[in-house]
Amino acid sequence: MNLEYEEEQDLRSFFEKNVKTFEERLLQEAVNVRDKVEEIRTVGNINLLHNARKLVIYLIEGRTQEITSFAKEEGIVWAKHSLTLAFKLEWIQALRRVVWEFIYHYERLCDLEPVREQFYKKEKQINVLVDQFLNFFFISYSQYKDELIKSHREMVEDLSVPIIPLSPTMWILPLIGTIDTYRANMIVDKVINQIGASRMQQLFLDLSGVAYMDTAVVSYLMKVIDGAKIMGCQVIVTGIRPEIVKTMLKLDVSFNSKAETKGTLQQALLEYLQNE
């Protein structure tokens, strides 16, 4: 390894003077990442070599706070662009090895006699900081992913229970697709919360887009109607399909005793809007 060295040069200056050699060695060590450097730059706007140089300076100077902040930033960026974690792990482990290689050559060129106590002290400092970077990187990555999943789930939940206002007191809930017990429970929560927030007086529950509901889901819808009634909101059920009627007959339950029913949403809206 061809390295430039000047007398009484500190480790940082030595690294900066030989940074191109460092980058070459790093790319040689990170076998699986070196062919992905440009792809990662394009996808995530991440310059791996520039960031490696920054991290090495932090390691050499023992800048704990900067390493923690940098790791958190990197974790968010990698999570945001769904970059492969294995590449990051390989890159940092390769960086660790090359940093130690440079420390060895630096001390050899300085003609420093190895002192076991000093070596172990330096080894602990560097490796603890590298591990700290990896730890905060993965924590930041995981937290961002968890928050992203949570926000997507909330978005899906809002879309799966679309309560639409017609007026301050009149709202529509058109249900479409399959309703399982999880979604049914979510419907109960959303409807009750919305009634409390908006003080709606009439809710049109349209089931024309629901082909099938099992007995548990029918029970949840009965809870929606009961809860709305307790809060002073009248529920008008529309578009009940034959399959749902059959399920209700098996249960020996009916919406008629708890809510008004209409053949279609259009029919119900026409009648109620004419009476407004």
C-alpha atoms as a PDB file:
ATOM      1  CA  MET A   1       0.000   0.000   0.000  1.00  0.00           C
ATOM      2  CA  ASN A   2       1.546   3.299  -1.120  1.00  0.00           C
ATOM      3  CA  LEU A   3       0.942   5.840   1.617  1.00  0.00           C
ATOM      4  CA  GLU A   4       2.253   9.373   2.018  1.00  0.00           C
ATOM      5  CA  TYR A   5       3.532  10.417   5.396  1.00  0.00           C
ATOM      6  CA  GLU A   6       5.101  13.553   6.857  1.00  0.00           C
ATOM      7  CA  GLU A   7       6.930  13.805  10.156  1.00  0.00           C
ATOM      8  CA  GLU A   8       4.852  14.752  13.197  1.00  0.00           C
ATOM      9  CA  GLN A   9       1.679  14.301  11.184  1.00  0.00           C
ATOM     10  CA  ASP A  10      -1.400  13.443  13.246  1.00  0.00           C
ATOM     11  CA  LEU A  11      -3.721  10.585  12.344  1.00  0.00           C
ATOM     12  CA  ARG A  12      -6.414  12.814  10.833  1.00  0.00           C
ATOM     13  CA  SER A  13      -3.934  14.588   8.570  1.00  0.00           C
ATOM     14  CA  PHE A  14      -2.491  11.221   7.571  1.00  0.00           C
ATOM     15  CA  PHE A  15      -5.940   9.950   6.669  1.00  0.00           C
ATOM     16  CA  GLU A  16      -6.861  13.083   4.689  1.00  0.00           C
ATOM     17  CA  LYS A  17      -3.575  12.948   2.755  1.00  0.00           C
ATOM     18  CA  ASN A  18      -4.219   9.321   1.803  1.00  0.00           C
ATOM     19  CA  VAL A  19      -7.991   9.446   1.440  1.00  0.00           C
ATOM     20  CA  LYS A  20      -7.976   8.183  -2.165  1.00  0.00           C
ATOM     21  CA  THR A  21      -6.032   5.096  -1.102  1.00  0.00           C
ATOM     22  CA  PHE A  22      -8.499   4.636   1.761  1.00  0.00           C
ATOM     23  CA  GLU A  23     -11.440   4.727  -0.666  1.00  0.00           C
ATOM     24  CA  GLU A  24      -9.774   2.212  -2.970  1.00  0.00           C
ATOM     25  CA  ARG A  25      -9.158  -0.175  -0.066  1.00  0.00           C
ATOM     26  CA  LEU A  26     -12.705   0.289   1.203  1.00  0.00           C
ATOM     27  CA  LEU A  27     -14.158  -0.596  -2.202  1.00  0.00           C
ATOM     28  CA  GLN A  28     -11.893  -3.652  -2.354  1.00  0.00           C
ATOM     29  CA  GLU A  29     -13.089  -4.819   1.074  1.00  0.00           C
ATOM     30  CA  ALA A  30     -16.816  -4.184   0.514  1.00  0.00           C
ATOM     31  CA  VAL A  31     -17.138  -6.777  -2.231  1.00  0.00           C
ATOM     32  CA  ASN A  32     -20.926  -6.769  -2.573  1.00  0.00           C
ATOM     33  CA  VAL A  33     -21.382  -3.027  -2.138  1.00  0.00           C
ATOM     34  CA  ARG A  34     -18.803  -1.659  -4.566  1.00  0.00           C
ATOM     35  CA  ASP A  35     -20.974  -2.432  -7.602  1.00  0.00           C
ATOM     36  CA  LYS A  36     -23.945  -0.758  -5.911  1.00  0.00           C
ATOM     37  CA  VAL A  37     -22.304   2.579  -5.056  1.00  0.00           C
ATOM     38  CA  GLU A  38     -23.735   4.451  -8.045  1.00  0.00           C
ATOM     39  CA  GLU A  39     -27.124   2.760  -7.722  1.00  0.00           C
ATOM     40  CA  ILE A  40     -27.364   3.822  -4.063  1.00  0.00           C
ATOM     41  CA  ARG A  41     -26.345   7.360  -5.031  1.00  0.00           C
ATOM     42  CA  THR A  42     -29.083   7.449  -7.700  1.00  0.00           C
ATOM     43  CA  VAL A  43     -31.853   5.885  -5.606  1.00  0.00           C
ATOM     44  CA  GLY A  44     -31.228   7.575  -2.264  1.00  0.00           C
ATOM     45  CA  ASN A  45     -28.938  10.497  -3.143  1.00  0.00           C
ATOM     46  CA  ILE A  46     -26.387   8.887  -0.807  1.00  0.00           C
ATOM     47  CA  ASN A  47     -22.675   9.328  -1.469  1.00  0.00           C
ATOM     48  CA  LEU A  48     -21.207   6.310   0.312  1.00  0.00           C
ATOM     49  CA  LEU A  49     -17.584   7.378  -0.070  1.00  0.00           C
ATOM     50  CA  HIS A  50     -18.209  10.938   1.118  1.00  0.00           C
ATOM     51  CA  ASN A  51     -20.139   9.630   4.131  1.00  0.00           C
ATOM     52  CA  ALA A  52     -17.392   7.113   4.874  1.00  0.00           C
ATOM     53  CA  ARG A  53     -14.823   9.919   4.973  1.00  0.00           C
ATOM     54  CA  LYS A  54     -17.001  11.881   7.376  1.00  0.00           C
ATOM     55  CA  LEU A  55     -17.502   8.874   9.653  1.00  0.00           C
ATOM     56  CA  VAL A  56     -13.780   8.093   9.775  1.00  0.00           C
ATOM     57  CA  ILE A  57     -13.007  11.650  10.942  1.00  0.00           C
ATOM     58  CA  TYR A  58     -15.619  11.283  13.682  1.00  0.00           C
ATOM     59  CA  LEU A  59     -14.081   7.953  14.722  1.00  0.00           C
ATOM     60  CA  ILE A  60     -10.528   9.260  14.774  1.00  0.00           C
ATOM     61  CA  GLU A  61     -11.494  12.272  16.868  1.00  0.00           C
ATOM     62  CA  GLY A  62     -13.889  10.369  19.130  1.00  0.00           C
ATOM     63  CA  ARG A  63     -16.842  12.646  18.350  1.00  0.00           C
ATOM     64  CA  THR A  64     -19.583  10.626  19.995  1.00  0.00           C
ATOM     65  CA  GLN A  65     -22.445  13.102  19.567  1.00  0.00           C
ATOM     66  CA  GLU A  66     -21.755  13.610  15.862  1.00  0.00           C
ATOM     67  CA  ILE A  67     -21.617   9.850  15.310  1.00  0.00           C
ATOM     68  CA  THR A  68     -25.005   9.392  16.984  1.00  0.00           C
ATOM     69  CA  SER A  69     -26.640  12.175  14.961  1.00  0.00           C
ATOM     70  CA  PHE A  70     -25.074  10.955  11.731  1.00  0.00           C
ATOM     71  CA  ALA A  71     -26.243   7.377  12.382  1.00  0.00           C
ATOM     72  CA  LYS A  72     -29.824   8.534  12.981  1.00  0.00           C
ATOM     73  CA  GLU A  73     -29.824  10.598   9.772  1.00  0.00           C
ATOM     74  CA  GLU A  74     -28.427   7.669   7.796  1.00  0.00           C
ATOM     75  CA  GLY A  75     -31.011   5.295   9.266  1.00  0.00           C
ATOM     76  CA  ILE A  76     -33.894   7.505   8.159  1.00  0.00           C
ATOM     77  CA  VAL A  77     -32.486   7.947   4.646  1.00  0.00           C
ATOM     78  CA  TRP A  78     -31.928   4.207   4.163  1.00  0.00           C
ATOM     79  CA  ALA A  79     -35.413   3.416   5.495  1.00  0.00           C
ATOM     80  CA  LYS A  80     -37.048   6.120   3.378  1.00  0.00           C
ATOM     81  CA  HIS A  81     -35.610   4.662   0.182  1.00  0.00           C
ATOM     82  CA  SER A  82     -35.897   1.004   1.299  1.00  0.00           C
ATOM     83  CA  LEU A  83     -32.197   0.373   0.721  1.00  0.00           C
ATOM     84  CA  THR A  84     -30.801  -3.049   1.602  1.00  0.00           C
ATOM     85  CA  LEU A  85     -29.589  -3.272   5.189  1.00  0.00           C
ATOM     86  CA  ALA A  86     -27.060  -5.991   4.325  1.00  0.00           C
ATOM     87  CA  PHE A  87     -25.190  -3.494   2.133  1.00  0.00           C
ATOM     88  CA  LYS A  88     -24.949  -0.990   4.968  1.00  0.00           C
ATOM     89  CA  LEU A  89     -23.718  -3.597   7.418  1.00  0.00           C
ATOM     90  CA  GLU A  90     -21.079  -4.870   4.995  1.00  0.00           C
ATOM     91  CA  TRP A  91     -19.978  -1.294   4.212  1.00  0.00           C
ATOM     92  CA  ILE A  92     -19.475  -0.328   7.858  1.00  0.00           C
ATOM     93  CA  GLN A  93     -17.694  -3.567   8.718  1.00  0.00           C
ATOM     94  CA  ALA A  94     -15.365  -3.041   5.743  1.00  0.00           C
ATOM     95  CA  LEU A  95     -14.782   0.520   6.918  1.00  0.00           C
ATOM     96  CA  ARG A  96     -13.877  -0.774  10.384  1.00  0.00           C
ATOM     97  CA  ARG A  97     -11.229  -3.116   8.921  1.00  0.00           C
ATOM     98  CA  VAL A  98      -9.684  -0.458   6.666  1.00  0.00           C
ATOM     99  CA  VAL A  99      -9.569   2.091   9.494  1.00  0.00           C
ATOM    100  CA  TRP A 100      -7.545  -0.377  11.577  1.00  0.00           C
ATOM    101  CA  GLU A 101      -5.308  -1.045   8.614  1.00  0.00           C
ATOM    102  CA  PHE A 102      -4.604   2.684   8.297  1.00  0.00           C
ATOM    103  CA  ILE A 103      -3.937   3.025  12.038  1.00  0.00           C
ATOM    104  CA  TYR A 104      -1.416   0.183  11.783  1.00  0.00           C
ATOM    105  CA  HIS A 105       0.420   1.803   8.860  1.00  0.00           C
ATOM    106  CA  TYR A 106       0.308   5.212  10.493  1.00  0.00           C
ATOM    107  CA  GLU A 107       1.930   3.956  13.683  1.00  0.00           C
ATOM    108  CA  ARG A 108       4.497   1.965  11.686  1.00  0.00           C
ATOM    109  CA  LEU A 109       5.448   5.037   9.644  1.00  0.00           C
ATOM    110  CA  CYS A 110       5.622   7.101  12.826  1.00  0.00           C
ATOM    111  CA  ASP A 111       8.034   4.468  14.118  1.00  0.00           C
ATOM    112  CA  LEU A 112       5.964   4.145  17.281  1.00  0.00           C
ATOM    113  CA  GLU A 113       6.744   1.207  19.488  1.00  0.00           C
ATOM    114  CA  PRO A 114       3.576  -0.781  20.200  1.00  0.00           C
ATOM    115  CA  VAL A 115       2.346  -0.358  23.755  1.00  0.00           C
ATOM    116  CA  ARG A 116      -0.257  -2.940  24.683  1.00  0.00           C
ATOM    117  CA  GLU A 117      -2.211  -0.656  27.003  1.00  0.00           C
ATOM    118  CA  GLN A 118      -2.429   2.125  24.409  1.00  0.00           C
ATOM    119  CA  PHE A 119      -3.441  -0.354  21.720  1.00  0.00           C
ATOM    120  CA  TYR A 120      -6.317  -1.760  23.756  1.00  0.00           C
ATOM    121  CA  LYS A 121      -7.448   1.738  24.673  1.00  0.00           C
ATOM    122  CA  LYS A 122      -7.545   2.782  21.027  1.00  0.00           C
ATOM    123  CA  GLU A 123      -9.156  -0.504  20.009  1.00  0.00           C
ATOM    124  CA  LYS A 124     -11.948   0.021  22.535  1.00  0.00           C
ATOM    125  CA  GLN A 125     -12.496   3.640  21.486  1.00  0.00           C
ATOM    126  CA  ILE A 126     -12.740   2.926  17.757  1.00  0.00           C
ATOM    127  CA  ASN A 127     -14.786  -0.276  17.964  1.00  0.00           C
ATOM    128  CA  VAL A 128     -17.213   1.092  20.542  1.00  0.00           C
ATOM    129  CA  LEU A 129     -17.880   4.089  18.306  1.00  0.00           C
ATOM    130  CA  VAL A 130     -18.409   1.903  15.224  1.00  0.00           C
ATOM    131  CA  ASP A 131     -20.831  -0.278  17.194  1.00  0.00           C
ATOM    132  CA  GLN A 132     -22.559   2.854  18.444  1.00  0.00           C
ATOM    133  CA  PHE A 133     -23.018   4.049  14.870  1.00  0.00           C
ATOM    134  CA  LEU A 134     -24.512   0.719  13.828  1.00  0.00           C
ATOM    135  CA  ASN A 135     -26.777   0.597  16.874  1.00  0.00           C
ATOM    136  CA  PHE A 136     -28.275   4.054  16.345  1.00  0.00           C
ATOM    137  CA  PHE A 137     -28.469   3.483  12.598  1.00  0.00           C
ATOM    138  CA  PHE A 138     -30.603   0.356  13.010  1.00  0.00           C
ATOM    139  CA  ILE A 139     -32.764   1.935  15.736  1.00  0.00           C
ATOM    140  CA  SER A 140     -33.431   4.968  13.537  1.00  0.00           C
ATOM    141  CA  TYR A 141     -34.120   2.737  10.524  1.00  0.00           C
ATOM    142  CA  SER A 142     -36.589   0.587  12.489  1.00  0.00           C
ATOM    143  CA  GLN A 143     -38.391   3.555  14.048  1.00  0.00           C
ATOM    144  CA  TYR A 144     -38.884   5.216  10.676  1.00  0.00           C
ATOM    145  CA  LYS A 145     -40.201   1.981   9.160  1.00  0.00           C
ATOM    146  CA  ASP A 146     -42.571   1.458  12.111  1.00  0.00           C
ATOM    147  CA  GLU A 147     -43.913   5.008  11.796  1.00  0.00           C
ATOM    148  CA  LEU A 148     -44.326   4.540   8.036  1.00  0.00           C
ATOM    149  CA  ILE A 149     -46.253   1.304   8.525  1.00  0.00           C
ATOM    150  CA  LYS A 150     -48.418   2.970  11.159  1.00  0.00           C
ATOM    151  CA  SER A 151     -49.238   5.939   8.900  1.00  0.00           C
ATOM    152  CA  HIS A 152     -50.054   3.592   6.004  1.00  0.00           C
ATOM    153  CA  ARG A 153     -52.299   1.533   8.279  1.00  0.00           C
ATOM    154  CA  GLU A 154     -54.108   4.659   9.438  1.00  0.00           C
ATOM    155  CA  MET A 155     -54.544   5.757   5.826  1.00  0.00           C
ATOM    156  CA  VAL A 156     -55.957   2.365   4.876  1.00  0.00           C
ATOM    157  CA  GLU A 157     -58.272   2.467   7.871  1.00  0.00           C
ATOM    158  CA  ASP A 158     -59.572   5.897   6.888  1.00  0.00           C
ATOM    159  CA  LEU A 159     -60.148   4.713   3.323  1.00  0.00           C
ATOM    160  CA  SER A 160     -61.858   1.527   4.483  1.00  0.00           C
ATOM    161  CA  VAL A 161     -64.320   3.509   6.626  1.00  0.00           C
ATOM    162  CA  PRO A 162     -65.150   6.540   4.444  1.00  0.00           C
ATOM    163  CA  ILE A 163     -67.665   8.569   6.454  1.00  0.00           C
ATOM    164  CA  ILE A 164     -68.750  11.364   4.103  1.00  0.00           C
ATOM    165  CA  PRO A 165     -70.694  14.476   5.204  1.00  0.00           C
ATOM    166  CA  LEU A 166     -73.730  15.597   3.196  1.00  0.00           C
ATOM    167  CA  SER A 167     -74.522  18.330   5.690  1.00  0.00           C
ATOM    168  CA  PRO A 168     -73.445  19.112   9.265  1.00  0.00           C
ATOM    169  CA  THR A 169     -76.020  16.615  10.565  1.00  0.00           C
ATOM    170  CA  MET A 170     -76.337  14.110   7.694  1.00  0.00           C
ATOM    171  CA  TRP A 171     -73.517  11.701   6.752  1.00  0.00           C
ATOM    172  CA  ILE A 172     -72.993   8.656   4.488  1.00  0.00           C
ATOM    173  CA  LEU A 173     -70.946   5.523   5.161  1.00  0.00           C
ATOM    174  CA  PRO A 174     -70.666   3.505   1.908  1.00  0.00           C
ATOM    175  CA  LEU A 175     -69.052   0.151   2.689  1.00  0.00           C
ATOM    176  CA  ILE A 176     -67.345  -1.705  -0.158  1.00  0.00           C
ATOM    177  CA  GLY A 177     -65.607  -5.070  -0.337  1.00  0.00           C
ATOM    178  CA  THR A 178     -65.043  -7.723   2.292  1.00  0.00           C
ATOM    179  CA  ILE A 179     -65.701  -6.896   5.926  1.00  0.00           C
ATOM    180  CA  ASP A 180     -63.886  -9.047   8.439  1.00  0.00           C
ATOM    181  CA  THR A 181     -64.081  -8.721  12.216  1.00  0.00           C
ATOM    182  CA  TYR A 182     -61.038  -6.393  12.339  1.00  0.00           C
ATOM    183  CA  ARG A 183     -62.600  -3.972   9.863  1.00  0.00           C
ATOM    184  CA  ALA A 184     -65.999  -4.318  11.522  1.00  0.00           C
ATOM    185  CA  ASN A 185     -64.537  -3.366  14.885  1.00  0.00           C
ATOM    186  CA  MET A 186     -62.825  -0.411  13.206  1.00  0.00           C
ATOM    187  CA  ILE A 187     -66.182   0.673  11.737  1.00  0.00           C
ATOM    188  CA  VAL A 188     -67.721   0.699  15.223  1.00  0.00           C
ATOM    189  CA  ASP A 189     -64.907   2.883  16.584  1.00  0.00           C
ATOM    190  CA  LYS A 190     -64.864   5.302  13.645  1.00  0.00           C
ATOM    191  CA  VAL A 191     -68.622   5.776  13.559  1.00  0.00           C
ATOM    192  CA  ILE A 192     -69.003   6.342  17.298  1.00  0.00           C
ATOM    193  CA  ASN A 193     -66.067   8.759  17.347  1.00  0.00           C
ATOM    194  CA  GLN A 194     -67.392  10.669  14.340  1.00  0.00           C
ATOM    195  CA  ILE A 195     -70.861  10.992  15.859  1.00  0.00           C
ATOM    196  CA  GLY A 196     -69.279  12.406  19.002  1.00  0.00           C
ATOM    197  CA  ALA A 197     -67.103  14.826  17.030  1.00  0.00           C
ATOM    198  CA  SER A 198     -69.691  16.058  14.519  1.00  0.00           C
ATOM    199  CA  ARG A 199     -73.005  15.580  16.349  1.00  0.00           C
ATOM    200  CA  MET A 200     -74.515  13.988  13.237  1.00  0.00           C
ATOM    201  CA  GLN A 201     -78.203  13.157  13.473  1.00  0.00           C
ATOM    202  CA  GLN A 202     -78.572  10.820  10.506  1.00  0.00           C
ATOM    203  CA  LEU A 203     -76.161   8.237   9.106  1.00  0.00           C
ATOM    204  CA  PHE A 204     -76.846   6.406   5.837  1.00  0.00           C
ATOM    205  CA  LEU A 205     -75.130   3.023   6.073  1.00  0.00           C
ATOM    206  CA  ASP A 206     -74.956   1.703   2.507  1.00  0.00           C
ATOM    207  CA  LEU A 207     -74.186  -2.014   2.108  1.00  0.00           C
ATOM    208  CA  SER A 208     -74.719  -2.313  -1.649  1.00  0.00           C
ATOM    209  CA  GLY A 209     -70.972  -2.813  -2.200  1.00  0.00           C
ATOM    210  CA  VAL A 210     -70.717  -5.653   0.340  1.00  0.00           C
ATOM    211  CA  ALA A 211     -71.434  -9.103  -1.076  1.00  0.00           C
ATOM    212  CA  TYR A 212     -70.959 -11.166   2.053  1.00  0.00           C
ATOM    213  CA  MET A 213     -70.779 -10.764   5.817  1.00  0.00           C
ATOM    214  CA  ASP A 214     -70.423 -13.514   8.371  1.00  0.00           C
ATOM    215  CA  THR A 215     -72.485 -13.654  11.534  1.00  0.00           C
ATOM    216  CA  ALA A 216     -69.814 -11.918  13.639  1.00  0.00           C
ATOM    217  CA  VAL A 217     -69.748  -8.929  11.267  1.00  0.00           C
ATOM    218  CA  VAL A 218     -73.540  -8.642  11.322  1.00  0.00           C
ATOM    219  CA  SER A 219     -73.315  -8.471  15.115  1.00  0.00           C
ATOM    220  CA  TYR A 220     -70.797  -5.627  14.851  1.00  0.00           C
ATOM    221  CA  LEU A 221     -73.113  -3.674  12.551  1.00  0.00           C
ATOM    222  CA  MET A 222     -75.877  -4.103  15.092  1.00  0.00           C
ATOM    223  CA  LYS A 223     -73.494  -2.545  17.625  1.00  0.00           C
ATOM    224  CA  VAL A 224     -72.978   0.414  15.264  1.00  0.00           C
ATOM    225  CA  ILE A 225     -76.716   0.965  15.107  1.00  0.00           C
ATOM    226  CA  ASP A 226     -77.148   0.581  18.874  1.00  0.00           C
ATOM    227  CA  GLY A 227     -74.271   2.925  19.627  1.00  0.00           C
ATOM    228  CA  ALA A 228     -75.522   5.547  17.184  1.00  0.00           C
ATOM    229  CA  LYS A 229     -79.005   5.383  18.658  1.00  0.00           C
ATOM    230  CA  ILE A 230     -77.665   5.900  22.174  1.00  0.00           C
ATOM    231  CA  MET A 231     -75.865   9.034  20.928  1.00  0.00           C
ATOM    232  CA  GLY A 232     -79.023  10.401  19.277  1.00  0.00           C
ATOM    233  CA  CYS A 233     -78.146   9.492  15.683  1.00  0.00           C
ATOM    234  CA  GLN A 234     -80.613   7.715  13.421  1.00  0.00           C
ATOM    235  CA  VAL A 235     -79.129   5.025  11.145  1.00  0.00           C
ATOM    236  CA  ILE A 236     -80.705   4.334   7.763  1.00  0.00           C
ATOM    237  CA  VAL A 237     -79.435   1.082   6.224  1.00  0.00           C
ATOM    238  CA  THR A 238     -79.520   0.851   2.434  1.00  0.00           C
ATOM    239  CA  GLY A 239     -78.614  -1.610  -0.304  1.00  0.00           C
ATOM    240  CA  ILE A 240     -78.807  -4.817   1.706  1.00  0.00           C
ATOM    241  CA  ARG A 241     -77.903  -7.663  -0.645  1.00  0.00           C
ATOM    242  CA  PRO A 242     -79.720 -11.055  -0.628  1.00  0.00           C
ATOM    243  CA  GLU A 243     -76.662 -12.870   0.757  1.00  0.00           C
ATOM    244  CA  ILE A 244     -76.621 -10.598   3.805  1.00  0.00           C
ATOM    245  CA  VAL A 245     -80.360 -11.036   4.292  1.00  0.00           C
ATOM    246  CA  LYS A 246     -79.865 -14.819   4.369  1.00  0.00           C
ATOM    247  CA  THR A 247     -77.185 -14.482   7.028  1.00  0.00           C
ATOM    248  CA  MET A 248     -79.483 -12.315   9.126  1.00  0.00           C
ATOM    249  CA  LEU A 249     -82.327 -14.770   8.781  1.00  0.00           C
ATOM    250  CA  LYS A 250     -80.051 -17.540  10.078  1.00  0.00           C
ATOM    251  CA  LEU A 251     -79.237 -15.338  13.064  1.00  0.00           C
ATOM    252  CA  ASP A 252     -82.903 -14.481  13.500  1.00  0.00           C
ATOM    253  CA  VAL A 253     -82.012 -10.771  13.653  1.00  0.00           C
ATOM    254  CA  SER A 254     -83.253  -7.809  11.688  1.00  0.00           C
ATOM    255  CA  PHE A 255     -82.191  -4.215  11.165  1.00  0.00           C
ATOM    256  CA  ASN A 256     -85.864  -3.189  11.064  1.00  0.00           C
ATOM    257  CA  SER A 257     -86.240  -3.182  14.834  1.00  0.00           C
ATOM    258  CA  LYS A 258     -83.225  -0.929  15.286  1.00  0.00           C
ATOM    259  CA  ALA A 259     -82.886   1.106  12.089  1.00  0.00           C
ATOM    260  CA  GLU A 260     -84.842   2.194   9.052  1.00  0.00           C
ATOM    261  CA  THR A 261     -84.028   0.282   5.860  1.00  0.00           C
ATOM    262  CA  LYS A 262     -84.283   1.373   2.242  1.00  0.00           C
ATOM    263  CA  GLY A 263     -83.720  -0.489  -1.006  1.00  0.00           C
ATOM    264  CA  THR A 264     -81.086   1.874  -2.362  1.00  0.00           C
ATOM    265  CA  LEU A 265     -79.001   4.795  -1.153  1.00  0.00           C
ATOM    266  CA  GLN A 266     -80.410   6.934  -3.960  1.00  0.00           C
ATOM    267  CA  GLN A 267     -83.960   6.245  -2.796  1.00  0.00           C
ATOM    268  CA  ALA A 268     -83.153   7.044   0.820  1.00  0.00           C
ATOM    269  CA  LEU A 269     -81.323  10.271  -0.014  1.00  0.00           C
ATOM    270  CA  LEU A 270     -84.116  11.418  -2.314  1.00  0.00           C
ATOM    271  CA  GLU A 271     -86.740  10.943   0.403  1.00  0.00           C
ATOM    272  CA  TYR A 272     -84.717  12.605   3.168  1.00  0.00           C
ATOM    273  CA  LEU A 273     -83.523  15.502   1.072  1.00  0.00           C
ATOM    274  CA  GLN A 274     -87.084  16.234  -0.024  1.00  0.00           C
ATOM    275  CA  ASN A 275     -88.085  16.453   3.612  1.00  0.00           C
ATOM    276  CA  GLU A 276     -85.305  18.862   4.504  1.00  0.00           C
END
